[in-house]
PDB file of N, CA and C in Angstrom:
ATOM      1  N   MET A   1      41.071 130.517  86.417  1.00  0.00           N
ATOM      2  CA  MET A   1      41.208 131.671  87.261  1.00  0.00           C
ATOM      3  C   MET A   1      41.711 131.330  88.651  1.00  0.00           C
ATOM      4  N   THR A   2      41.321 130.144  89.167  1.00  0.00           N
ATOM      5  CA  THR A   2      41.757 129.792  90.513  1.00  0.00           C
ATOM      6  C   THR A   2      43.259 129.533  90.561  1.00  0.00           C
ATOM      7  N   LEU A   3      43.828 129.123  89.468  1.00  0.00           N
ATOM      8  CA  LEU A   3      45.268 128.901  89.472  1.00  0.00           C
ATOM      9  C   LEU A   3      46.012 130.219  89.606  1.00  0.00           C
ATOM     10  N   LEU A   4      45.449 131.261  89.033  1.00  0.00           N
ATOM     11  CA  LEU A   4      46.102 132.557  89.136  1.00  0.00           C
ATOM     12  C   LEU A   4      46.000 133.120  90.549  1.00  0.00           C
ATOM     13  N   ARG A   5      44.970 132.717  91.266  1.00  0.00           N
ATOM     14  CA  ARG A   5      44.828 133.210  92.637  1.00  0.00           C
ATOM     15  C   ARG A   5      45.868 132.549  93.556  1.00  0.00           C
ATOM     16  N   ARG A   6      46.214 131.267  93.215  1.00  0.00           N
ATOM     17  CA  ARG A   6      47.194 130.564  94.050  1.00  0.00           C
ATOM     18  C   ARG A   6      48.374 130.128  93.176  1.00  0.00           C
ATOM     19  N   PRO A   7      49.263 131.001  92.853  1.00  0.00           N
ATOM     20  CA  PRO A   7      50.392 130.621  91.999  1.00  0.00           C
ATOM     21  C   PRO A   7      51.344 129.648  92.708  1.00  0.00           C
ATOM     22  N   GLY A   8      51.400 129.690  94.020  1.00  0.00           N
ATOM     23  CA  GLY A   8      52.264 128.764  94.773  1.00  0.00           C
ATOM     24  C   GLY A   8      51.799 127.329  94.635  1.00  0.00           C
ATOM     25  N   ALA A   9      50.488 127.108  94.696  1.00  0.00           N
ATOM     26  CA  ALA A   9      49.949 125.756  94.555  1.00  0.00           C
ATOM     27  C   ALA A   9      50.165 125.233  93.137  1.00  0.00           C
ATOM     28  N   ALA A  10      49.959 126.104  92.148  1.00  0.00           N
ATOM     29  CA  ALA A  10      50.169 125.689  90.761  1.00  0.00           C
ATOM     30  C   ALA A  10      51.637 125.371  90.522  1.00  0.00           C
ATOM     31  N   LEU A  11      52.520 126.165  91.082  1.00  0.00           N
ATOM     32  CA  LEU A  11      53.949 125.927  90.927  1.00  0.00           C
ATOM     33  C   LEU A  11      54.365 124.634  91.622  1.00  0.00           C
ATOM     34  N   ALA A  12      53.822 124.383  92.800  1.00  0.00           N
ATOM     35  CA  ALA A  12      54.136 123.155  93.531  1.00  0.00           C
ATOM     36  C   ALA A  12      53.622 121.935  92.763  1.00  0.00           C
ATOM     37  N   THR A  13      52.412 122.030  92.206  1.00  0.00           N
ATOM     38  CA  THR A  13      51.861 120.923  91.420  1.00  0.00           C
ATOM     39  C   THR A  13      52.702 120.657  90.183  1.00  0.00           C
ATOM     40  N   LEU A  14      53.099 121.705  89.496  1.00  0.00           N
ATOM     41  CA  LEU A  14      53.933 121.567  88.307  1.00  0.00           C
ATOM     42  C   LEU A  14      55.294 120.970  88.666  1.00  0.00           C
ATOM     43  N   LEU A  15      55.845 121.411  89.774  1.00  0.00           N
ATOM     44  CA  LEU A  15      57.134 120.886  90.219  1.00  0.00           C
ATOM     45  C   LEU A  15      57.043 119.399  90.558  1.00  0.00           C
ATOM     46  N   MET A  16      55.985 118.997  91.258  1.00  0.00           N
ATOM     47  CA  MET A  16      55.795 117.583  91.602  1.00  0.00           C
ATOM     48  C   MET A  16      55.599 116.743  90.338  1.00  0.00           C
ATOM     49  N   LEU A  17      54.863 117.277  89.380  1.00  0.00           N
ATOM     50  CA  LEU A  17      54.651 116.580  88.114  1.00  0.00           C
ATOM     51  C   LEU A  17      55.970 116.390  87.369  1.00  0.00           C
ATOM     52  N   LEU A  18      56.786 117.413  87.331  1.00  0.00           N
ATOM     53  CA  LEU A  18      58.093 117.321  86.668  1.00  0.00           C
ATOM     54  C   LEU A  18      59.018 116.335  87.376  1.00  0.00           C
ATOM     55  N   ILE A  19      58.996 116.329  88.694  1.00  0.00           N
ATOM     56  CA  ILE A  19      59.809 115.375  89.459  1.00  0.00           C
ATOM     57  C   ILE A  19      59.339 113.948  89.182  1.00  0.00           C
ATOM     58  N   GLY A  20      58.031 113.754  89.141  1.00  0.00           N
ATOM     59  CA  GLY A  20      57.489 112.428  88.841  1.00  0.00           C
ATOM     60  C   GLY A  20      57.878 111.946  87.455  1.00  0.00           C
ATOM     61  N   VAL A  21      57.785 112.812  86.470  1.00  0.00           N
ATOM     62  CA  VAL A  21      58.170 112.450  85.100  1.00  0.00           C
ATOM     63  C   VAL A  21      59.661 112.153  85.035  1.00  0.00           C
ATOM     64  N   ALA A  22      60.473 112.965  85.687  1.00  0.00           N
ATOM     65  CA  ALA A  22      61.923 112.735  85.694  1.00  0.00           C
ATOM     66  C   ALA A  22      62.249 111.399  86.346  1.00  0.00           C
ATOM     67  N   PHE A  23      61.559 111.080  87.432  1.00  0.00           N
ATOM     68  CA  PHE A  23      61.784 109.797  88.117  1.00  0.00           C
ATOM     69  C   PHE A  23      61.409 108.631  87.217  1.00  0.00           C
ATOM     70  N   LEU A  24      60.252 108.713  86.575  1.00  0.00           N
ATOM     71  CA  LEU A  24      59.794 107.612  85.731  1.00  0.00           C
ATOM     72  C   LEU A  24      60.678 107.420  84.505  1.00  0.00           C
ATOM     73  N   THR A  25      61.246 108.490  83.979  1.00  0.00           N
ATOM     74  CA  THR A  25      62.125 108.342  82.818  1.00  0.00           C
ATOM     75  C   THR A  25      63.470 107.750  83.199  1.00  0.00           C
ATOM     76  N   GLN A  26      63.808 107.754  84.463  1.00  0.00           N
ATOM     77  CA  GLN A  26      65.076 107.169  84.901  1.00  0.00           C
ATOM     78  C   GLN A  26      64.941 105.712  85.307  1.00  0.00           C
ATOM     79  N   VAL A  27      63.735 105.199  85.485  1.00  0.00           N
ATOM     80  CA  VAL A  27      63.542 103.815  85.928  1.00  0.00           C
ATOM     81  C   VAL A  27      64.020 102.833  84.868  1.00  0.00           C
ATOM     82  N   VAL A  28      63.656 103.021  83.617  1.00  0.00           N
ATOM     83  CA  VAL A  28      64.016 102.074  82.560  1.00  0.00           C
ATOM     84  C   VAL A  28      65.527 102.025  82.358  1.00  0.00           C
ATOM     85  N   PRO A  29      66.229 103.160  82.216  1.00  0.00           N
ATOM     86  CA  PRO A  29      67.690 103.059  82.076  1.00  0.00           C
ATOM     87  C   PRO A  29      68.358 102.442  83.299  1.00  0.00           C
ATOM     88  N   TYR A  30      67.839 102.734  84.481  1.00  0.00           N
ATOM     89  CA  TYR A  30      68.413 102.150  85.692  1.00  0.00           C
ATOM     90  C   TYR A  30      68.261 100.635  85.672  1.00  0.00           C
ATOM     91  N   ARG A  31      67.089 100.156  85.258  1.00  0.00           N
ATOM     92  CA  ARG A  31      66.866  98.705  85.187  1.00  0.00           C
ATOM     93  C   ARG A  31      67.788  98.076  84.150  1.00  0.00           C
ATOM     94  N   GLN A  32      68.047  98.784  83.041  1.00  0.00           N
ATOM     95  CA  GLN A  32      68.951  98.250  82.023  1.00  0.00           C
ATOM     96  C   GLN A  32      70.379  98.171  82.557  1.00  0.00           C
ATOM     97  N   ILE A  33      70.774  99.155  83.344  1.00  0.00           N
ATOM     98  CA  ILE A  33      72.109  99.123  83.947  1.00  0.00           C
ATOM     99  C   ILE A  33      72.216  97.960  84.921  1.00  0.00           C
ATOM    100  N   VAL A  34      71.206  97.763  85.753  1.00  0.00           N
ATOM    101  CA  VAL A  34      71.211  96.658  86.713  1.00  0.00           C
ATOM    102  C   VAL A  34      71.260  95.321  85.979  1.00  0.00           C
ATOM    103  N   GLU A  35      70.464  95.181  84.924  1.00  0.00           N
ATOM    104  CA  GLU A  35      70.452  93.943  84.153  1.00  0.00           C
ATOM    105  C   GLU A  35      71.804  93.705  83.486  1.00  0.00           C
ATOM    106  N   SER A  36      72.423  94.745  82.970  1.00  0.00           N
ATOM    107  CA  SER A  36      73.744  94.609  82.341  1.00  0.00           C
ATOM    108  C   SER A  36      74.783  94.169  83.360  1.00  0.00           C
ATOM    109  N   ARG A  37      74.725  94.735  84.544  1.00  0.00           N
ATOM    110  CA  ARG A  37      75.674  94.322  85.600  1.00  0.00           C
ATOM    111  C   ARG A  37      75.463  92.864  85.979  1.00  0.00           C
ATOM    112  N   GLN A  38      74.213  92.424  86.042  1.00  0.00           N
ATOM    113  CA  GLN A  38      73.938  91.025  86.362  1.00  0.00           C
ATOM    114  C   GLN A  38      74.447  90.105  85.255  1.00  0.00           C
ATOM    115  N   GLN A  39      74.302  90.526  84.001  1.00  0.00           N
ATOM    116  CA  GLN A  39      74.803  89.726  82.892  1.00  0.00           C
ATOM    117  C   GLN A  39      76.323  89.637  82.926  1.00  0.00           C
ATOM    118  N   VAL A  40      76.990  90.737  83.258  1.00  0.00           N
ATOM    119  CA  VAL A  40      78.454  90.725  83.351  1.00  0.00           C
ATOM    120  C   VAL A  40      78.899  89.805  84.479  1.00  0.00           C
ATOM    121  N   ALA A  41      78.223  89.876  85.624  1.00  0.00           N
ATOM    122  CA  ALA A  41      78.583  89.009  86.747  1.00  0.00           C
ATOM    123  C   ALA A  41      78.370  87.543  86.387  1.00  0.00           C
ATOM    124  N   ALA A  42      77.272  87.239  85.700  1.00  0.00           N
ATOM    125  CA  ALA A  42      77.015  85.851  85.292  1.00  0.00           C
ATOM    126  C   ALA A  42      78.055  85.387  84.279  1.00  0.00           C
ATOM    127  N   ALA A  43      78.445  86.265  83.359  1.00  0.00           N
ATOM    128  CA  ALA A  43      79.454  85.898  82.363  1.00  0.00           C
ATOM    129  C   ALA A  43      80.808  85.670  83.017  1.00  0.00           C
ATOM    130  N   ARG A  44      81.145  86.483  84.005  1.00  0.00           N
ATOM    131  CA  ARG A  44      82.418  86.287  84.720  1.00  0.00           C
ATOM    132  C   ARG A  44      82.411  84.969  85.486  1.00  0.00           C
ATOM    133  N   ALA A  45      81.291  84.639  86.114  1.00  0.00           N
ATOM    134  CA  ALA A  45      81.199  83.373  86.838  1.00  0.00           C
ATOM    135  C   ALA A  45      81.313  82.194  85.879  1.00  0.00           C
ATOM    136  N   GLU A  46      80.657  82.301  84.734  1.00  0.00           N
ATOM    137  CA  GLU A  46      80.740  81.230  83.740  1.00  0.00           C
ATOM    138  C   GLU A  46      82.167  81.105  83.204  1.00  0.00           C
ATOM    139  N   LEU A  47      82.836  82.233  82.984  1.00  0.00           N
ATOM    140  CA  LEU A  47      84.213  82.211  82.511  1.00  0.00           C
ATOM    141  C   LEU A  47      85.127  81.534  83.529  1.00  0.00           C
ATOM    142  N   ALA A  48      84.939  81.852  84.807  1.00  0.00           N
ATOM    143  CA  ALA A  48      85.757  81.227  85.851  1.00  0.00           C
ATOM    144  C   ALA A  48      85.527  79.717  85.889  1.00  0.00           C
ATOM    145  N   ALA A  49      84.261  79.300  85.751  1.00  0.00           N
ATOM    146  CA  ALA A  49      83.955  77.866  85.762  1.00  0.00           C
ATOM    147  C   ALA A  49      84.572  77.181  84.545  1.00  0.00           C
ATOM    148  N   LEU A  50      84.517  77.830  83.386  1.00  0.00           N
ATOM    149  CA  LEU A  50      85.106  77.243  82.178  1.00  0.00           C
ATOM    150  C   LEU A  50      86.631  77.180  82.269  1.00  0.00           C
ATOM    151  N   GLU A  51      87.241  78.184  82.878  1.00  0.00           N
ATOM    152  CA  GLU A  51      88.694  78.155  83.050  1.00  0.00           C
ATOM    153  C   GLU A  51      89.105  77.031  83.993  1.00  0.00           C
ATOM    154  N   ASP A  52      88.319  76.807  85.067  1.00  0.00           N
ATOM    155  CA  ASP A  52      88.604  75.694  85.975  1.00  0.00           C
ATOM    156  C   ASP A  52      88.471  74.356  85.261  1.00  0.00           C
ATOM    157  N   ALA A  53      87.399  74.207  84.478  1.00  0.00           N
ATOM    158  CA  ALA A  53      87.202  72.964  83.735  1.00  0.00           C
ATOM    159  C   ALA A  53      88.306  72.763  82.712  1.00  0.00           C
ATOM    160  N   ASN A  54      88.744  73.841  82.072  1.00  0.00           N
ATOM    161  CA  ASN A  54      89.821  73.762  81.093  1.00  0.00           C
ATOM    162  C   ASN A  54      91.128  73.332  81.762  1.00  0.00           C
ATOM    163  N   ALA A  55      91.412  73.891  82.925  1.00  0.00           N
ATOM    164  CA  ALA A  55      92.629  73.509  83.651  1.00  0.00           C
ATOM    165  C   ALA A  55      92.594  72.034  84.035  1.00  0.00           C
ATOM    166  N   LYS A  56      91.414  71.563  84.455  1.00  0.00           N
ATOM    167  CA  LYS A  56      91.285  70.142  84.825  1.00  0.00           C
ATOM    168  C   LYS A  56      91.489  69.254  83.597  1.00  0.00           C
ATOM    169  N   LEU A  57      90.923  69.650  82.474  1.00  0.00           N
ATOM    170  CA  LEU A  57      91.085  68.864  81.252  1.00  0.00           C
ATOM    171  C   LEU A  57      92.542  68.867  80.775  1.00  0.00           C
ATOM    172  N   GLU A  58      93.217  69.997  80.908  1.00  0.00           N
ATOM    173  CA  GLU A  58      94.632  70.048  80.541  1.00  0.00           C
ATOM    174  C   GLU A  58      95.464  69.141  81.437  1.00  0.00           C
ATOM    175  N   ALA A  59      95.118  69.089  82.731  1.00  0.00           N
ATOM    176  CA  ALA A  59      95.821  68.184  83.644  1.00  0.00           C
ATOM    177  C   ALA A  59      95.555  66.726  83.258  1.00  0.00           C
ATOM    178  N   ASP A  60      94.315  66.425  82.851  1.00  0.00           N
ATOM    179  CA  ASP A  60      93.990  65.063  82.407  1.00  0.00           C
ATOM    180  C   ASP A  60      94.766  64.688  81.153  1.00  0.00           C
ATOM    181  N   VAL A  61      94.889  65.626  80.222  1.00  0.00           N
ATOM    182  CA  VAL A  61      95.645  65.365  78.992  1.00  0.00           C
ATOM    183  C   VAL A  61      97.115  65.140  79.314  1.00  0.00           C
ATOM    184  N   ALA A  62      97.661  65.948  80.216  1.00  0.00           N
ATOM    185  CA  ALA A  62      99.067  65.770  80.602  1.00  0.00           C
ATOM    186  C   ALA A  62      99.275  64.417  81.284  1.00  0.00           C
ATOM    187  N   ALA A  63      98.290  63.988  82.070  1.00  0.00           N
ATOM    188  CA  ALA A  63      98.412  62.705  82.762  1.00  0.00           C
ATOM    189  C   ALA A  63      98.335  61.534  81.793  1.00  0.00           C
ATOM    190  N   LEU A  64      97.673  61.697  80.665  1.00  0.00           N
ATOM    191  CA  LEU A  64      97.549  60.611  79.699  1.00  0.00           C
ATOM    192  C   LEU A  64      98.884  60.246  79.056  1.00  0.00           C
ATOM    193  N   HIS A  65      99.867  61.078  79.191  1.00  0.00           N
ATOM    194  CA  HIS A  65     101.173  60.806  78.596  1.00  0.00           C
ATOM    195  C   HIS A  65     102.091  60.036  79.537  1.00  0.00           C
ATOM    196  N   THR A  66     101.576  59.565  80.669  1.00  0.00           N
ATOM    197  CA  THR A  66     102.393  58.780  81.602  1.00  0.00           C
ATOM    198  C   THR A  66     101.982  57.319  81.529  1.00  0.00           C
ATOM    199  N   GLU A  67     102.965  56.439  81.763  1.00  0.00           N
ATOM    200  CA  GLU A  67     102.712  54.986  81.721  1.00  0.00           C
ATOM    201  C   GLU A  67     101.722  54.565  82.808  1.00  0.00           C
ATOM    202  N   ALA A  68     101.822  55.173  83.991  1.00  0.00           N
ATOM    203  CA  ALA A  68     100.945  54.783  85.102  1.00  0.00           C
ATOM    204  C   ALA A  68      99.484  55.106  84.780  1.00  0.00           C
ATOM    205  N   GLU A  69      99.225  56.239  84.176  1.00  0.00           N
ATOM    206  CA  GLU A  69      97.849  56.617  83.848  1.00  0.00           C
ATOM    207  C   GLU A  69      97.290  55.726  82.746  1.00  0.00           C
ATOM    208  N   ILE A  70      98.118  55.396  81.774  1.00  0.00           N
ATOM    209  CA  ILE A  70      97.671  54.503  80.698  1.00  0.00           C
ATOM    210  C   ILE A  70      97.299  53.140  81.273  1.00  0.00           C
ATOM    211  N   GLU A  71      98.124  52.626  82.191  1.00  0.00           N
ATOM    212  CA  GLU A  71      97.817  51.331  82.812  1.00  0.00           C
ATOM    213  C   GLU A  71      96.540  51.416  83.637  1.00  0.00           C
ATOM    214  N   THR A  72      96.385  52.500  84.386  1.00  0.00           N
ATOM    215  CA  THR A  72      95.180  52.659  85.215  1.00  0.00           C
ATOM    216  C   THR A  72      93.922  52.687  84.345  1.00  0.00           C
ATOM    217  N   LEU A  73      93.960  53.454  83.259  1.00  0.00           N
ATOM    218  CA  LEU A  73      92.798  53.520  82.367  1.00  0.00           C
ATOM    219  C   LEU A  73      92.519  52.184  81.700  1.00  0.00           C
ATOM    220  N   ALA A  74      93.572  51.451  81.294  1.00  0.00           N
ATOM    221  CA  ALA A  74      93.379  50.140  80.677  1.00  0.00           C
ATOM    222  C   ALA A  74      92.734  49.174  81.661  1.00  0.00           C
ATOM    223  N   ARG A  75      93.120  49.245  82.916  1.00  0.00           N
ATOM    224  CA  ARG A  75      92.527  48.364  83.939  1.00  0.00           C
ATOM    225  C   ARG A  75      91.071  48.744  84.221  1.00  0.00           C
ATOM    226  N   GLU A  76      90.797  50.066  84.360  1.00  0.00           N
ATOM    227  CA  GLU A  76      89.442  50.496  84.720  1.00  0.00           C
ATOM    228  C   GLU A  76      88.467  50.370  83.552  1.00  0.00           C
ATOM    229  N   LYS A  77      88.862  50.847  82.390  1.00  0.00           N
ATOM    230  CA  LYS A  77      87.932  50.921  81.257  1.00  0.00           C
ATOM    231  C   LYS A  77      87.862  49.635  80.441  1.00  0.00           C
ATOM    232  N   LEU A  78      89.001  48.976  80.286  1.00  0.00           N
ATOM    233  CA  LEU A  78      89.044  47.813  79.402  1.00  0.00           C
ATOM    234  C   LEU A  78      89.134  46.483  80.145  1.00  0.00           C
ATOM    235  N   GLY A  79      89.349  46.543  81.448  1.00  0.00           N
ATOM    236  CA  GLY A  79      89.387  45.314  82.229  1.00  0.00           C
ATOM    237  C   GLY A  79      90.679  44.526  82.065  1.00  0.00           C
ATOM    238  N   TYR A  80      91.753  45.154  81.655  1.00  0.00           N
ATOM    239  CA  TYR A  80      93.028  44.457  81.489  1.00  0.00           C
ATOM    240  C   TYR A  80      93.596  44.061  82.847  1.00  0.00           C
ATOM    241  N   VAL A  81      94.235  42.896  82.877  1.00  0.00           N
ATOM    242  CA  VAL A  81      94.913  42.415  84.083  1.00  0.00           C
ATOM    243  C   VAL A  81      96.304  41.941  83.679  1.00  0.00           C
ATOM    244  N   ARG A  82      97.186  41.938  84.626  1.00  0.00           N
ATOM    245  CA  ARG A  82      98.535  41.429  84.387  1.00  0.00           C
ATOM    246  C   ARG A  82      98.523  39.911  84.486  1.00  0.00           C
ATOM    247  N   PRO A  83      99.481  39.281  83.881  1.00  0.00           N
ATOM    248  CA  PRO A  83      99.556  37.816  83.990  1.00  0.00           C
ATOM    249  C   PRO A  83      99.664  37.399  85.449  1.00  0.00           C
ATOM    250  N   GLY A  84      98.860  36.436  85.834  1.00  0.00           N
ATOM    251  CA  GLY A  84      98.847  35.947  87.203  1.00  0.00           C
ATOM    252  C   GLY A  84      97.795  36.606  88.081  1.00  0.00           C
ATOM    253  N   GLU A  85      97.186  37.681  87.637  1.00  0.00           N
ATOM    254  CA  GLU A  85      96.131  38.356  88.405  1.00  0.00           C
ATOM    255  C   GLU A  85      94.777  37.762  88.029  1.00  0.00           C
ATOM    256  N   THR A  86      93.832  37.850  88.946  1.00  0.00           N
ATOM    257  CA  THR A  86      92.472  37.393  88.694  1.00  0.00           C
ATOM    258  C   THR A  86      91.555  38.607  88.688  1.00  0.00           C
ATOM    259  N   ALA A  87      90.748  38.699  87.637  1.00  0.00           N
ATOM    260  CA  ALA A  87      89.830  39.829  87.517  1.00  0.00           C
ATOM    261  C   ALA A  87      88.449  39.427  88.021  1.00  0.00           C
ATOM    262  N   TYR A  88      87.817  40.294  88.772  1.00  0.00           N
ATOM    263  CA  TYR A  88      86.468  40.071  89.258  1.00  0.00           C
ATOM    264  C   TYR A  88      85.577  41.196  88.740  1.00  0.00           C
ATOM    265  N   ILE A  89      84.366  40.840  88.345  1.00  0.00           N
ATOM    266  CA  ILE A  89      83.388  41.821  87.897  1.00  0.00           C
ATOM    267  C   ILE A  89      82.214  41.752  88.853  1.00  0.00           C
ATOM    268  N   VAL A  90      81.866  42.875  89.445  1.00  0.00           N
ATOM    269  CA  VAL A  90      80.754  42.948  90.381  1.00  0.00           C
ATOM    270  C   VAL A  90      79.569  43.565  89.651  1.00  0.00           C
ATOM    271  N   LEU A  91      78.474  42.845  89.625  1.00  0.00           N
ATOM    272  CA  LEU A  91      77.264  43.320  88.962  1.00  0.00           C
ATOM    273  C   LEU A  91      76.215  43.689  89.997  1.00  0.00           C
ATOM    274  N   ASP A  92      75.405  44.672  89.675  1.00  0.00           N
ATOM    275  CA  ASP A  92      74.293  45.037  90.548  1.00  0.00           C
ATOM    276  C   ASP A  92      73.198  43.985  90.406  1.00  0.00           C
ATOM    277  N   PRO A  93      72.509  43.662  91.505  1.00  0.00           N
ATOM    278  CA  PRO A  93      71.417  42.699  91.403  1.00  0.00           C
ATOM    279  C   PRO A  93      70.280  43.261  90.557  1.00  0.00           C
ATOM    280  N   PRO A  94      69.486  42.391  89.935  1.00  0.00           N
ATOM    281  CA  PRO A  94      68.369  42.890  89.122  1.00  0.00           C
ATOM    282  C   PRO A  94      67.377  43.687  89.986  1.00  0.00           C
ATOM    283  N   GLY A  95      66.846  44.744  89.415  1.00  0.00           N
ATOM    284  CA  GLY A  95      65.868  45.575  90.132  1.00  0.00           C
ATOM    285  C   GLY A  95      66.495  46.552  91.100  1.00  0.00           C
ATOM    286  N   ALA A  96      67.816  46.691  91.076  1.00  0.00           N
ATOM    287  CA  ALA A  96      68.480  47.585  92.015  1.00  0.00           C
ATOM    288  C   ALA A  96      68.554  49.012  91.495  1.00  0.00           C
ATOM    289  N   GLU A  97      67.996  49.239  90.325  1.00  0.00           N
ATOM    290  CA  GLU A  97      68.031  50.588  89.779  1.00  0.00           C
ATOM    291  C   GLU A  97      67.165  51.517  90.625  1.00  0.00           C
ATOM    292  N   GLU A  98      67.652  52.703  90.799  1.00  0.00           N
ATOM    293  CA  GLU A  98      66.906  53.675  91.597  1.00  0.00           C
ATOM    294  C   GLU A  98      65.807  54.307  90.749  1.00  0.00           C
ATOM    295  N   ALA A  99      64.683  54.559  91.389  1.00  0.00           N
ATOM    296  CA  ALA A  99      63.588  55.245  90.702  1.00  0.00           C
ATOM    297  C   ALA A  99      63.967  56.702  90.491  1.00  0.00           C
ATOM    298  N   PRO A 100      63.592  57.278  89.355  1.00  0.00           N
ATOM    299  CA  PRO A 100      63.926  58.691  89.131  1.00  0.00           C
ATOM    300  C   PRO A 100      63.229  59.582  90.154  1.00  0.00           C
ATOM    301  N   VAL A 101      63.965  60.562  90.617  1.00  0.00           N
ATOM    302  CA  VAL A 101      63.441  61.505  91.605  1.00  0.00           C
ATOM    303  C   VAL A 101      62.785  62.659  90.862  1.00  0.00           C
ATOM    304  N   GLU A 102      61.541  62.934  91.222  1.00  0.00           N
ATOM    305  CA  GLU A 102      60.822  64.035  90.581  1.00  0.00           C
ATOM    306  C   GLU A 102      61.081  65.326  91.346  1.00  0.00           C
ATOM    307  N   ASP A 103      61.356  66.364  90.590  1.00  0.00           N
ATOM    308  CA  ASP A 103      61.554  67.671  91.208  1.00  0.00           C
ATOM    309  C   ASP A 103      60.193  68.307  91.450  1.00  0.00           C
ATOM    310  N   THR A 104      59.948  68.659  92.696  1.00  0.00           N
ATOM    311  CA  THR A 104      58.700  69.348  93.017  1.00  0.00           C
ATOM    312  C   THR A 104      59.015  70.831  93.152  1.00  0.00           C
ATOM    313  N   PRO A 105      58.329  71.666  92.404  1.00  0.00           N
ATOM    314  CA  PRO A 105      58.616  73.099  92.497  1.00  0.00           C
ATOM    315  C   PRO A 105      58.216  73.645  93.855  1.00  0.00           C
ATOM    316  N   GLU A 106      59.048  74.529  94.357  1.00  0.00           N
ATOM    317  CA  GLU A 106      58.740  75.156  95.641  1.00  0.00           C
ATOM    318  C   GLU A 106      57.686  76.234  95.427  1.00  0.00           C
ATOM    319  N   PRO A 107      56.722  76.329  96.337  1.00  0.00           N
ATOM    320  CA  PRO A 107      55.709  77.372  96.169  1.00  0.00           C
ATOM    321  C   PRO A 107      56.342  78.756  96.348  1.00  0.00           C
ATOM    322  N   GLU A 108      55.891  79.672  95.518  1.00  0.00           N
ATOM    323  CA  GLU A 108      56.414  81.034  95.621  1.00  0.00           C
ATOM    324  C   GLU A 108      55.833  81.706  96.854  1.00  0.00           C
ATOM    325  N   GLU A 109      56.692  82.461  97.524  1.00  0.00           N
ATOM    326  CA  GLU A 109      56.198  83.185  98.689  1.00  0.00           C
ATOM    327  C   GLU A 109      55.371  84.379  98.222  1.00  0.00           C
ATOM    328  N   GLU A 110      54.336  84.669  98.963  1.00  0.00           N
ATOM    329  CA  GLU A 110      53.467  85.778  98.587  1.00  0.00           C
ATOM    330  C   GLU A 110      54.131  87.088  98.996  1.00  0.00           C
ATOM    331  N   ARG A 111      54.097  88.044  98.083  1.00  0.00           N
ATOM    332  CA  ARG A 111      54.717  89.335  98.331  1.00  0.00           C
ATOM    333  C   ARG A 111      53.653  90.424  98.209  1.00  0.00           C
ATOM    334  N   THR A 112      53.834  91.460  98.980  1.00  0.00           N
ATOM    335  CA  THR A 112      52.895  92.572  98.922  1.00  0.00           C
ATOM    336  C   THR A 112      53.186  93.412  97.690  1.00  0.00           C
ATOM    337  N   TRP A 113      52.263  94.272  97.331  1.00  0.00           N
ATOM    338  CA  TRP A 113      52.451  95.109  96.152  1.00  0.00           C
ATOM    339  C   TRP A 113      53.573  96.110  96.366  1.00  0.00           C
ATOM    340  N   VAL A 114      53.803  96.496  97.615  1.00  0.00           N
ATOM    341  CA  VAL A 114      54.888  97.429  97.912  1.00  0.00           C
ATOM    342  C   VAL A 114      56.233  96.737  97.661  1.00  0.00           C
ATOM    343  N   GLU A 115      56.343  95.477  98.088  1.00  0.00           N
ATOM    344  CA  GLU A 115      57.571  94.730  97.839  1.00  0.00           C
ATOM    345  C   GLU A 115      57.785  94.509  96.349  1.00  0.00           C
ATOM    346  N   GLY A 116      56.703  94.304  95.605  1.00  0.00           N
ATOM    347  CA  GLY A 116      56.809  94.147  94.153  1.00  0.00           C
ATOM    348  C   GLY A 116      57.328  95.405  93.486  1.00  0.00           C
ATOM    349  N   ILE A 117      56.833  96.556  93.926  1.00  0.00           N
ATOM    350  CA  ILE A 117      57.301  97.827  93.367  1.00  0.00           C
ATOM    351  C   ILE A 117      58.770  98.054  93.731  1.00  0.00           C
ATOM    352  N   TRP A 118      59.119  97.738  94.974  1.00  0.00           N
ATOM    353  CA  TRP A 118      60.507  97.907  95.395  1.00  0.00           C
ATOM    354  C   TRP A 118      61.431  96.987  94.585  1.00  0.00           C
ATOM    355  N   ASP A 119      61.009  95.736  94.377  1.00  0.00           N
ATOM    356  CA  ASP A 119      61.799  94.811  93.561  1.00  0.00           C
ATOM    357  C   ASP A 119      61.939  95.328  92.139  1.00  0.00           C
ATOM    358  N   PHE A 120      60.882  95.938  91.598  1.00  0.00           N
ATOM    359  CA  PHE A 120      60.942  96.494  90.244  1.00  0.00           C
ATOM    360  C   PHE A 120      61.943  97.640  90.174  1.00  0.00           C
ATOM    361  N   LEU A 121      61.903  98.515  91.168  1.00  0.00           N
ATOM    362  CA  LEU A 121      62.794  99.676  91.164  1.00  0.00           C
ATOM    363  C   LEU A 121      64.243  99.292  91.382  1.00  0.00           C
ATOM    364  N   THR A 122      64.501  98.293  92.222  1.00  0.00           N
ATOM    365  CA  THR A 122      65.883  97.898  92.512  1.00  0.00           C
ATOM    366  C   THR A 122      66.413  96.858  91.542  1.00  0.00           C
ATOM    367  N   GLY A 123      65.528  96.271  90.719  1.00  0.00           N
ATOM    368  CA  GLY A 123      65.970  95.259  89.769  1.00  0.00           C
ATOM    369  C   GLY A 123      66.004  93.867  90.356  1.00  0.00           C
ATOM    370  N   ALA A 124      65.498  93.674  91.568  1.00  0.00           N
ATOM    371  CA  ALA A 124      65.523  92.361  92.203  1.00  0.00           C
ATOM    372  C   ALA A 124      64.606  91.363  91.495  1.00  0.00           C
ATOM    373  N   ASP A 125      63.618  91.858  90.748  1.00  0.00           N
ATOM    374  CA  ASP A 125      62.710  90.959  90.041  1.00  0.00           C
ATOM    375  C   ASP A 125      63.372  90.344  88.816  1.00  0.00           C
ATOM    376  N   MET A 126      64.536  90.817  88.416  1.00  0.00           N
ATOM    377  CA  MET A 126      65.230  90.278  87.255  1.00  0.00           C
ATOM    378  C   MET A 126      66.197  89.165  87.635  1.00  0.00           C
ATOM    379  N   ASP A 127      66.325  88.839  88.910  1.00  0.00           N
ATOM    380  CA  ASP A 127      67.274  87.818  89.350  1.00  0.00           C
ATOM    381  C   ASP A 127      66.871  86.427  88.914  1.00  0.00           C
ATOM    382  N   GLY A 128      65.613  86.169  88.814  1.00  0.00           N
ATOM    383  CA  GLY A 128      65.128  84.832  88.523  1.00  0.00           C
ATOM    384  C   GLY A 128      65.310  84.463  87.132  1.00  0.00           C
TER     385      GLY A 128
END
């Protein structure tokens, strides 16, 4: 009965409820769009890196067909020398190996719950 006495309040409550439901139903598709855009950007970056590596490898293959490159590789990899040249081999002293470096994880910065909600809505939490 009290709702009938105040139809404006009931209408405002219903309107706010509908707006809230509409907002919540748009969060998931929005996050999927953001994630798809991030995947496309990552794929484009990977494609660019692979194209650069491919171009470098093609240049290396083209260089292998020259006499100078063949001689350089024979000298570096196989230790070939020309007649009259003296070859020297430099060895590292024993125990000169470097100790492996351990990666220490960086501590995560503490974020407030408001920042967490904002990251969820904007898709920033999917970057990691």
